[in-house]
Amino acid sequence: MYLIIFKLPSGNHVLKLKVNRFLRKIDAKMVLKGVWRHEDVSKLINLASLIKNMGGKALVLEENIIYK
């Protein structure tokens, strides 16, 4: 599994709507506000690129559970 962590620029409601629709379309699971989990890293990278191009910040990480 992979995680995307992002912060959208304030006031850009169109980007917020696009990001939320995309995450729901690919059936990503929200972990926390601004942190989502999905198994397809390429889809998360595409989303991170969109967010960065629109002035936001985004990281895509590989999930690794150390202790459960």
Protein backbone atom coordinates (compact mmCIF):
# COMPACT_ATOMS: atom_id res chain seq x y z
CA MET A 1 0.00 0.00 0.00
CA TYR A 2 1.00 3.59 -0.59
CA LEU A 3 0.10 6.87 1.06
CA ILE A 4 -0.38 10.34 -0.33
CA ILE A 5 0.00 13.26 2.05
CA PHE A 6 -1.03 16.62 0.70
CA LYS A 7 -1.82 20.23 1.54
CA LEU A 8 -3.90 22.20 -0.92
CA PRO A 9 -3.49 25.94 -1.44
CA SER A 10 -6.13 27.89 0.46
CA GLY A 11 -8.99 29.30 -1.56
CA ASN A 12 -8.68 26.87 -4.50
CA HIS A 13 -12.05 25.16 -4.20
CA VAL A 14 -11.88 23.74 -7.73
CA LEU A 15 -8.69 21.82 -6.90
CA LYS A 16 -10.19 20.57 -3.64
CA LEU A 17 -13.21 19.24 -5.52
CA LYS A 18 -11.04 17.58 -8.21
CA VAL A 19 -8.81 15.91 -5.61
CA ASN A 20 -11.74 14.60 -3.55
CA ARG A 21 -13.55 13.29 -6.64
CA PHE A 22 -10.41 11.57 -7.89
CA LEU A 23 -9.68 9.90 -4.54
CA ARG A 24 -13.25 8.62 -4.26
CA LYS A 25 -13.24 7.46 -7.90
CA ILE A 26 -10.17 5.27 -7.33
CA ASP A 27 -11.65 4.06 -4.02
CA ALA A 28 -8.76 5.39 -1.91
CA LYS A 29 -9.23 5.24 1.86
CA MET A 30 -8.80 8.31 4.04
CA VAL A 31 -6.42 7.79 6.99
CA LEU A 32 -6.46 11.38 8.29
CA LYS A 33 -7.35 14.74 6.80
CA GLY A 34 -4.94 15.14 3.89
CA VAL A 35 -3.64 11.55 4.17
CA TRP A 36 -5.05 8.81 1.93
CA ARG A 37 -4.14 5.15 1.25
CA HIS A 38 -4.28 3.27 -2.07
CA GLU A 39 -2.57 0.28 -3.69
CA ASP A 40 -1.74 1.91 -7.06
CA VAL A 41 1.30 4.17 -6.68
CA SER A 42 1.05 5.52 -10.24
CA LYS A 43 -2.41 6.97 -9.59
CA LEU A 44 -1.17 8.65 -6.42
CA ILE A 45 1.86 10.06 -8.24
CA ASN A 46 -0.41 11.49 -10.95
CA LEU A 47 -2.55 13.12 -8.27
CA ALA A 48 0.53 14.48 -6.46
CA SER A 49 1.72 16.03 -9.73
CA LEU A 50 -1.64 17.73 -10.24
CA ILE A 51 -1.58 19.10 -6.69
CA LYS A 52 1.98 20.42 -7.06
CA ASN A 53 1.23 21.99 -10.47
CA MET A 54 -1.70 23.84 -8.89
CA GLY A 55 0.43 25.30 -6.07
CA GLY A 56 -0.07 22.68 -3.37
CA LYS A 57 2.31 20.30 -1.64
CA ALA A 58 2.21 16.51 -1.92
CA LEU A 59 4.25 13.46 -0.94
CA VAL A 60 3.74 9.83 -1.98
CA LEU A 61 5.13 7.28 0.47
CA GLU A 62 5.27 3.53 0.73
CA GLU A 63 3.39 2.29 3.78
CA ASN A 64 5.52 0.21 6.12
CA ILE A 65 4.06 -0.92 9.43
CA ILE A 66 6.77 -1.40 12.04
CA TYR A 67 4.64 -2.39 15.05
CA LYS A 68 1.00 -3.36 15.29
